[in-house]
């Protein structure tokens, strides 16, 4: 089964996908974050300083990396995020600004540059939607239940999160991709996902969660200028 774990920033996709992979034995796949990609693509630059075309470039690199990783797992996988996410984040930025925060206007002025960027994003949306429709068997969407983590790696606002969450769900409805909205604690999520998708369980939930926390603790969270 090809499962995409969906949800916007700070919804718990990474930890949930890690724990679910440990619990079921289904391999996990993901794409590097933009901050991880940035030092190789635009050395010496911070994500907050990137222009719209540069963010577009980083998003396309993520999409390509994700698609390649998924293609190497024909027997099934658990994806941390999906191809839809790069498109959704780009599209919402055309509404709230390239670098949204809680003090930004709800809608940005439609300049010629932003209009062009919006048209490009729509074209990319057609590609990512096609990928999602043909690649994922089912989505598990994690609702917004946790506070936005202010670690400098999520340059977005609560409004951005809510708009992204709404667009992700409406896109799944539009594409008629099977999906389940499953929330709660991490243990409740794992139990709910396994039940909804009839997944195998190779270990108990508590052990899977402990392994996921150990795995997450080993992730490189230094900023892009210090990688």
C-alpha atoms as a PDB file:
ATOM      1  CA  UNK A   1       0.000   0.000   0.000  1.00  0.00           C
ATOM      2  CA  UNK A   2       1.247   3.491  -0.893  1.00  0.00           C
ATOM      3  CA  UNK A   3       0.292   5.763   1.999  1.00  0.00           C
ATOM      4  CA  UNK A   4       0.777   9.534   2.178  1.00  0.00           C
ATOM      5  CA  UNK A   5       0.767  11.152   5.612  1.00  0.00           C
ATOM      6  CA  UNK A   6      -0.754  14.569   4.996  1.00  0.00           C
ATOM      7  CA  UNK A   7      -1.039  17.725   7.067  1.00  0.00           C
ATOM      8  CA  UNK A   8       0.405  21.191   7.241  1.00  0.00           C
ATOM      9  CA  UNK A   9       3.311  22.543   9.314  1.00  0.00           C
ATOM     10  CA  UNK A  10       3.611  21.192  12.891  1.00  0.00           C
ATOM     11  CA  UNK A  11       0.843  18.647  12.418  1.00  0.00           C
ATOM     12  CA  UNK A  12       3.149  15.757  13.347  1.00  0.00           C
ATOM     13  CA  UNK A  13       3.716  14.183   9.926  1.00  0.00           C
ATOM     14  CA  UNK A  14       7.350  13.263  10.477  1.00  0.00           C
ATOM     15  CA  UNK A  15       6.989  11.615  13.892  1.00  0.00           C
ATOM     16  CA  UNK A  16       3.771   9.883  12.871  1.00  0.00           C
ATOM     17  CA  UNK A  17       5.276   8.517   9.656  1.00  0.00           C
ATOM     18  CA  UNK A  18       8.393   7.328  11.514  1.00  0.00           C
ATOM     19  CA  UNK A  19       6.390   5.545  14.201  1.00  0.00           C
ATOM     20  CA  UNK A  20       3.985   4.032  11.676  1.00  0.00           C
ATOM     21  CA  UNK A  21       6.881   2.674   9.620  1.00  0.00           C
ATOM     22  CA  UNK A  22       8.424   1.051  12.701  1.00  0.00           C
ATOM     23  CA  UNK A  23       5.089  -0.403  13.803  1.00  0.00           C
ATOM     24  CA  UNK A  24       4.090  -1.854  10.429  1.00  0.00           C
ATOM     25  CA  UNK A  25       7.402  -2.606   8.735  1.00  0.00           C
ATOM     26  CA  UNK A  26       6.332  -0.553   5.694  1.00  0.00           C
ATOM     27  CA  UNK A  27       9.290   1.569   4.515  1.00  0.00           C
ATOM     28  CA  UNK A  28       9.119   5.314   5.073  1.00  0.00           C
ATOM     29  CA  UNK A  29      10.063   7.815   2.395  1.00  0.00           C
ATOM     30  CA  UNK A  30      10.375  11.595   2.396  1.00  0.00           C
ATOM     31  CA  UNK A  31      12.014  14.559   0.710  1.00  0.00           C
ATOM     32  CA  UNK A  32      14.594  16.845   2.272  1.00  0.00           C
ATOM     33  CA  UNK A  33      13.270  20.108   3.662  1.00  0.00           C
ATOM     34  CA  UNK A  34      13.956  23.341   1.800  1.00  0.00           C
ATOM     35  CA  UNK A  35      16.419  24.313   4.527  1.00  0.00           C
ATOM     36  CA  UNK A  36      18.324  21.070   3.971  1.00  0.00           C
ATOM     37  CA  UNK A  37      18.433  21.635   0.213  1.00  0.00           C
ATOM     38  CA  UNK A  38      19.312  25.341   0.386  1.00  0.00           C
ATOM     39  CA  UNK A  39      23.051  25.137   1.249  1.00  0.00           C
ATOM     40  CA  UNK A  40      23.744  23.084  -1.888  1.00  0.00           C
ATOM     41  CA  UNK A  41      21.516  25.083  -4.211  1.00  0.00           C
ATOM     42  CA  UNK A  42      21.955  28.645  -2.916  1.00  0.00           C
ATOM     43  CA  UNK A  43      24.964  28.594  -0.561  1.00  0.00           C
ATOM     44  CA  UNK A  44      25.154  31.379   2.003  1.00  0.00           C
ATOM     45  CA  UNK A  45      21.473  32.263   1.728  1.00  0.00           C
ATOM     46  CA  UNK A  46      18.741  31.921   4.346  1.00  0.00           C
ATOM     47  CA  UNK A  47      15.292  30.677   3.428  1.00  0.00           C
ATOM     48  CA  UNK A  48      13.748  33.958   4.572  1.00  0.00           C
ATOM     49  CA  UNK A  49      15.885  35.823   2.008  1.00  0.00           C
ATOM     50  CA  UNK A  50      14.829  33.722  -0.991  1.00  0.00           C
ATOM     51  CA  UNK A  51      12.821  35.273  -3.784  1.00  0.00           C
ATOM     52  CA  UNK A  52       9.686  33.724  -5.264  1.00  0.00           C
ATOM     53  CA  UNK A  53      11.618  32.105  -8.163  1.00  0.00           C
ATOM     54  CA  UNK A  54      14.173  30.695  -5.727  1.00  0.00           C
ATOM     55  CA  UNK A  55      11.442  29.199  -3.527  1.00  0.00           C
ATOM     56  CA  UNK A  56       9.911  27.750  -6.678  1.00  0.00           C
ATOM     57  CA  UNK A  57      13.288  26.182  -7.528  1.00  0.00           C
ATOM     58  CA  UNK A  58      13.593  24.607  -4.076  1.00  0.00           C
ATOM     59  CA  UNK A  59      10.057  23.264  -4.296  1.00  0.00           C
ATOM     60  CA  UNK A  60      10.764  21.619  -7.644  1.00  0.00           C
ATOM     61  CA  UNK A  61      13.895  19.979  -6.270  1.00  0.00           C
ATOM     62  CA  UNK A  62      11.842  18.603  -3.364  1.00  0.00           C
ATOM     63  CA  UNK A  63       9.181  17.304  -5.723  1.00  0.00           C
ATOM     64  CA  UNK A  64      11.747  15.577  -7.928  1.00  0.00           C
ATOM     65  CA  UNK A  65      13.505  14.008  -4.946  1.00  0.00           C
ATOM     66  CA  UNK A  66      10.213  12.788  -3.517  1.00  0.00           C
ATOM     67  CA  UNK A  67       9.134  11.221  -6.815  1.00  0.00           C
ATOM     68  CA  UNK A  68      12.469   9.425  -7.247  1.00  0.00           C
ATOM     69  CA  UNK A  69      12.403   8.022  -3.713  1.00  0.00           C
ATOM     70  CA  UNK A  70       8.848   6.794  -4.144  1.00  0.00           C
ATOM     71  CA  UNK A  71       9.684   5.122  -7.457  1.00  0.00           C
ATOM     72  CA  UNK A  72      12.307   2.989  -5.682  1.00  0.00           C
ATOM     73  CA  UNK A  73       9.644   1.449  -3.425  1.00  0.00           C
ATOM     74  CA  UNK A  74       7.233  -0.361  -5.772  1.00  0.00           C
ATOM     75  CA  UNK A  75       6.086  -2.659  -2.979  1.00  0.00           C
ATOM     76  CA  UNK A  76       4.570   0.187  -1.003  1.00  0.00           C
ATOM     77  CA  UNK A  77       5.656   2.972   1.323  1.00  0.00           C
ATOM     78  CA  UNK A  78       4.666   5.513   3.944  1.00  0.00           C
ATOM     79  CA  UNK A  79       5.391   9.003   2.648  1.00  0.00           C
ATOM     80  CA  UNK A  80       6.099  11.879   5.030  1.00  0.00           C
ATOM     81  CA  UNK A  81       4.040  14.448   3.124  1.00  0.00           C
ATOM     82  CA  UNK A  82       3.154  14.199  -0.548  1.00  0.00           C
ATOM     83  CA  UNK A  83       3.615  15.823  -3.929  1.00  0.00           C
ATOM     84  CA  UNK A  84       0.584  18.004  -3.170  1.00  0.00           C
ATOM     85  CA  UNK A  85       2.368  19.768  -0.333  1.00  0.00           C
ATOM     86  CA  UNK A  86       4.879  21.698  -2.466  1.00  0.00           C
ATOM     87  CA  UNK A  87       2.038  22.982  -4.638  1.00  0.00           C
ATOM     88  CA  UNK A  88      -0.234  23.861  -1.705  1.00  0.00           C
ATOM     89  CA  UNK A  89       2.463  25.854   0.086  1.00  0.00           C
ATOM     90  CA  UNK A  90       3.310  27.745  -3.100  1.00  0.00           C
ATOM     91  CA  UNK A  91      -0.320  28.517  -3.851  1.00  0.00           C
ATOM     92  CA  UNK A  92      -1.072  29.791  -0.358  1.00  0.00           C
ATOM     93  CA  UNK A  93       1.947  32.095  -0.567  1.00  0.00           C
ATOM     94  CA  UNK A  94       0.262  33.840  -3.484  1.00  0.00           C
ATOM     95  CA  UNK A  95      -2.486  34.798  -0.993  1.00  0.00           C
ATOM     96  CA  UNK A  96      -0.572  35.629   2.184  1.00  0.00           C
ATOM     97  CA  UNK A  97       2.835  36.628   0.838  1.00  0.00           C
ATOM     98  CA  UNK A  98       6.094  34.893   0.046  1.00  0.00           C
ATOM     99  CA  UNK A  99       7.231  35.012   3.685  1.00  0.00           C
ATOM    100  CA  UNK A 100       4.009  35.018   5.725  1.00  0.00           C
ATOM    101  CA  UNK A 101       3.848  35.721   9.414  1.00  0.00           C
ATOM    102  CA  UNK A 102       1.054  36.506  11.823  1.00  0.00           C
ATOM    103  CA  UNK A 103       1.387  40.244  11.107  1.00  0.00           C
ATOM    104  CA  UNK A 104       1.060  39.919   7.347  1.00  0.00           C
ATOM    105  CA  UNK A 105      -2.024  41.126   5.518  1.00  0.00           C
ATOM    106  CA  UNK A 106      -4.598  38.461   4.851  1.00  0.00           C
ATOM    107  CA  UNK A 107      -4.274  38.993   1.110  1.00  0.00           C
ATOM    108  CA  UNK A 108      -1.296  40.354  -0.785  1.00  0.00           C
ATOM    109  CA  UNK A 109      -1.554  42.951  -3.489  1.00  0.00           C
ATOM    110  CA  UNK A 110      -1.726  41.338  -6.909  1.00  0.00           C
ATOM    111  CA  UNK A 111       1.372  42.630  -8.673  1.00  0.00           C
ATOM    112  CA  UNK A 112       2.387  41.543 -12.150  1.00  0.00           C
ATOM    113  CA  UNK A 113       5.113  39.367 -10.623  1.00  0.00           C
ATOM    114  CA  UNK A 114       2.733  37.709  -8.187  1.00  0.00           C
ATOM    115  CA  UNK A 115       0.160  37.154 -10.929  1.00  0.00           C
ATOM    116  CA  UNK A 116       2.801  35.389 -13.010  1.00  0.00           C
ATOM    117  CA  UNK A 117       3.917  33.349  -9.987  1.00  0.00           C
ATOM    118  CA  UNK A 118       0.297  32.350  -9.392  1.00  0.00           C
ATOM    119  CA  UNK A 119      -0.065  31.144 -12.989  1.00  0.00           C
ATOM    120  CA  UNK A 120       3.117  29.090 -12.680  1.00  0.00           C
ATOM    121  CA  UNK A 121       1.881  27.555  -9.433  1.00  0.00           C
ATOM    122  CA  UNK A 122      -1.397  26.556 -11.075  1.00  0.00           C
ATOM    123  CA  UNK A 123       0.530  24.794 -13.857  1.00  0.00           C
ATOM    124  CA  UNK A 124       2.675  23.000 -11.305  1.00  0.00           C
ATOM    125  CA  UNK A 125      -0.503  22.066  -9.460  1.00  0.00           C
ATOM    126  CA  UNK A 126      -1.684  20.116 -12.491  1.00  0.00           C
ATOM    127  CA  UNK A 127       1.554  18.091 -12.383  1.00  0.00           C
ATOM    128  CA  UNK A 128       1.506  17.421  -8.637  1.00  0.00           C
ATOM    129  CA  UNK A 129      -2.186  16.511  -8.655  1.00  0.00           C
ATOM    130  CA  UNK A 130      -1.596  14.017 -11.448  1.00  0.00           C
ATOM    131  CA  UNK A 131       1.293  12.539  -9.472  1.00  0.00           C
ATOM    132  CA  UNK A 132      -0.841  12.268  -6.333  1.00  0.00           C
ATOM    133  CA  UNK A 133      -3.724  10.652  -8.190  1.00  0.00           C
ATOM    134  CA  UNK A 134      -1.529   7.993  -9.797  1.00  0.00           C
ATOM    135  CA  UNK A 135       0.990   7.402  -7.004  1.00  0.00           C
ATOM    136  CA  UNK A 136      -0.826   7.270  -3.640  1.00  0.00           C
ATOM    137  CA  UNK A 137      -3.430   4.673  -2.752  1.00  0.00           C
ATOM    138  CA  UNK A 138      -4.647   6.536   0.306  1.00  0.00           C
ATOM    139  CA  UNK A 139      -3.974   9.677   2.345  1.00  0.00           C
ATOM    140  CA  UNK A 140      -3.997   9.929   6.108  1.00  0.00           C
ATOM    141  CA  UNK A 141      -4.571  13.581   6.966  1.00  0.00           C
ATOM    142  CA  UNK A 142      -3.459  14.877  10.361  1.00  0.00           C
ATOM    143  CA  UNK A 143      -5.541  17.877  11.488  1.00  0.00           C
ATOM    144  CA  UNK A 144      -4.122  20.974  13.160  1.00  0.00           C
ATOM    145  CA  UNK A 145      -4.053  20.019  16.832  1.00  0.00           C
ATOM    146  CA  UNK A 146      -0.629  21.175  18.026  1.00  0.00           C
ATOM    147  CA  UNK A 147       0.902  24.646  18.343  1.00  0.00           C
ATOM    148  CA  UNK A 148       3.164  25.849  15.551  1.00  0.00           C
ATOM    149  CA  UNK A 149       6.748  24.989  16.516  1.00  0.00           C
ATOM    150  CA  UNK A 150       8.776  28.208  16.621  1.00  0.00           C
ATOM    151  CA  UNK A 151      12.176  26.724  15.857  1.00  0.00           C
ATOM    152  CA  UNK A 152      13.054  28.990  12.930  1.00  0.00           C
ATOM    153  CA  UNK A 153      12.416  26.180  10.458  1.00  0.00           C
ATOM    154  CA  UNK A 154       8.767  27.025   9.829  1.00  0.00           C
ATOM    155  CA  UNK A 155       8.534  30.616   8.510  1.00  0.00           C
ATOM    156  CA  UNK A 156       4.743  30.604   8.390  1.00  0.00           C
ATOM    157  CA  UNK A 157       1.770  31.885  10.353  1.00  0.00           C
ATOM    158  CA  UNK A 158      -1.314  30.304  11.888  1.00  0.00           C
ATOM    159  CA  UNK A 159      -3.362  31.723   9.019  1.00  0.00           C
ATOM    160  CA  UNK A 160      -0.966  30.080   6.550  1.00  0.00           C
ATOM    161  CA  UNK A 161      -1.385  26.768   8.375  1.00  0.00           C
ATOM    162  CA  UNK A 162      -5.170  26.924   8.309  1.00  0.00           C
ATOM    163  CA  UNK A 163      -5.355  27.918   4.638  1.00  0.00           C
ATOM    164  CA  UNK A 164      -2.915  25.141   3.740  1.00  0.00           C
ATOM    165  CA  UNK A 165      -4.895  22.594   5.733  1.00  0.00           C
ATOM    166  CA  UNK A 166      -8.126  23.624   4.007  1.00  0.00           C
ATOM    167  CA  UNK A 167      -6.567  23.431   0.545  1.00  0.00           C
ATOM    168  CA  UNK A 168      -5.011  20.020   1.185  1.00  0.00           C
ATOM    169  CA  UNK A 169      -8.359  18.569   2.209  1.00  0.00           C
ATOM    170  CA  UNK A 170     -10.312  20.209  -0.613  1.00  0.00           C
ATOM    171  CA  UNK A 171      -7.730  18.918  -3.124  1.00  0.00           C
ATOM    172  CA  UNK A 172      -8.169  15.352  -1.881  1.00  0.00           C
ATOM    173  CA  UNK A 173     -11.922  15.752  -2.284  1.00  0.00           C
ATOM    174  CA  UNK A 174     -11.477  17.213  -5.776  1.00  0.00           C
ATOM    175  CA  UNK A 175      -9.214  14.367  -6.855  1.00  0.00           C
ATOM    176  CA  UNK A 176     -11.415  11.743  -5.196  1.00  0.00           C
ATOM    177  CA  UNK A 177      -8.371  10.196  -3.522  1.00  0.00           C
ATOM    178  CA  UNK A 178      -9.358   7.967  -0.571  1.00  0.00           C
ATOM    179  CA  UNK A 179      -8.418   9.703   2.668  1.00  0.00           C
ATOM    180  CA  UNK A 180      -8.949   9.497   6.398  1.00  0.00           C
ATOM    181  CA  UNK A 181      -8.671  12.379   8.865  1.00  0.00           C
ATOM    182  CA  UNK A 182      -7.138  10.913  12.015  1.00  0.00           C
ATOM    183  CA  UNK A 183      -6.133  12.965  15.029  1.00  0.00           C
ATOM    184  CA  UNK A 184      -5.448  12.553  18.705  1.00  0.00           C
ATOM    185  CA  UNK A 185      -2.276  11.659  20.548  1.00  0.00           C
ATOM    186  CA  UNK A 186       0.478   9.892  18.645  1.00  0.00           C
ATOM    187  CA  UNK A 187      -0.635   6.561  20.120  1.00  0.00           C
ATOM    188  CA  UNK A 188      -4.248   7.256  19.144  1.00  0.00           C
ATOM    189  CA  UNK A 189      -3.177   8.184  15.639  1.00  0.00           C
ATOM    190  CA  UNK A 190      -1.189   4.998  15.152  1.00  0.00           C
ATOM    191  CA  UNK A 191      -4.019   2.853  16.431  1.00  0.00           C
ATOM    192  CA  UNK A 192      -6.539   4.699  14.285  1.00  0.00           C
ATOM    193  CA  UNK A 193      -4.436   4.494  11.130  1.00  0.00           C
ATOM    194  CA  UNK A 194      -3.725   0.783  11.565  1.00  0.00           C
ATOM    195  CA  UNK A 195      -7.433   0.097  12.065  1.00  0.00           C
ATOM    196  CA  UNK A 196      -8.630   2.300   9.183  1.00  0.00           C
ATOM    197  CA  UNK A 197      -6.147   0.812   6.696  1.00  0.00           C
ATOM    198  CA  UNK A 198      -6.018  -2.719   8.118  1.00  0.00           C
ATOM    199  CA  UNK A 199      -2.231  -2.536   8.462  1.00  0.00           C
ATOM    200  CA  UNK A 200       0.039  -5.196   9.984  1.00  0.00           C
ATOM    201  CA  UNK A 201       1.447  -4.511  13.450  1.00  0.00           C
ATOM    202  CA  UNK A 202       4.937  -5.873  14.050  1.00  0.00           C
ATOM    203  CA  UNK A 203       5.396  -4.258  17.465  1.00  0.00           C
ATOM    204  CA  UNK A 204       3.312  -2.504  20.068  1.00  0.00           C
ATOM    205  CA  UNK A 205       2.490   1.164  19.766  1.00  0.00           C
ATOM    206  CA  UNK A 206       4.682   2.270  22.674  1.00  0.00           C
ATOM    207  CA  UNK A 207       7.780   0.610  21.193  1.00  0.00           C
ATOM    208  CA  UNK A 208       7.131   2.160  17.786  1.00  0.00           C
ATOM    209  CA  UNK A 209       6.774   5.607  19.353  1.00  0.00           C
ATOM    210  CA  UNK A 210      10.010   5.212  21.331  1.00  0.00           C
ATOM    211  CA  UNK A 211      11.899   4.251  18.162  1.00  0.00           C
ATOM    212  CA  UNK A 212      10.381   7.218  16.296  1.00  0.00           C
ATOM    213  CA  UNK A 213      11.485   9.643  19.013  1.00  0.00           C
ATOM    214  CA  UNK A 214      15.005   8.189  18.918  1.00  0.00           C
ATOM    215  CA  UNK A 215      15.064   8.538  15.130  1.00  0.00           C
ATOM    216  CA  UNK A 216      13.768  12.123  15.256  1.00  0.00           C
ATOM    217  CA  UNK A 217      16.375  13.046  17.873  1.00  0.00           C
ATOM    218  CA  UNK A 218      19.094  12.157  15.363  1.00  0.00           C
ATOM    219  CA  UNK A 219      17.822  14.590  12.743  1.00  0.00           C
ATOM    220  CA  UNK A 220      20.005  17.574  11.832  1.00  0.00           C
ATOM    221  CA  UNK A 221      18.077  20.674  12.916  1.00  0.00           C
ATOM    222  CA  UNK A 222      20.882  23.219  12.567  1.00  0.00           C
ATOM    223  CA  UNK A 223      20.058  26.213  10.393  1.00  0.00           C
ATOM    224  CA  UNK A 224      20.985  26.337   6.734  1.00  0.00           C
ATOM    225  CA  UNK A 225      24.078  28.509   7.219  1.00  0.00           C
ATOM    226  CA  UNK A 226      25.648  26.025   9.640  1.00  0.00           C
ATOM    227  CA  UNK A 227      25.158  22.813   7.714  1.00  0.00           C
END
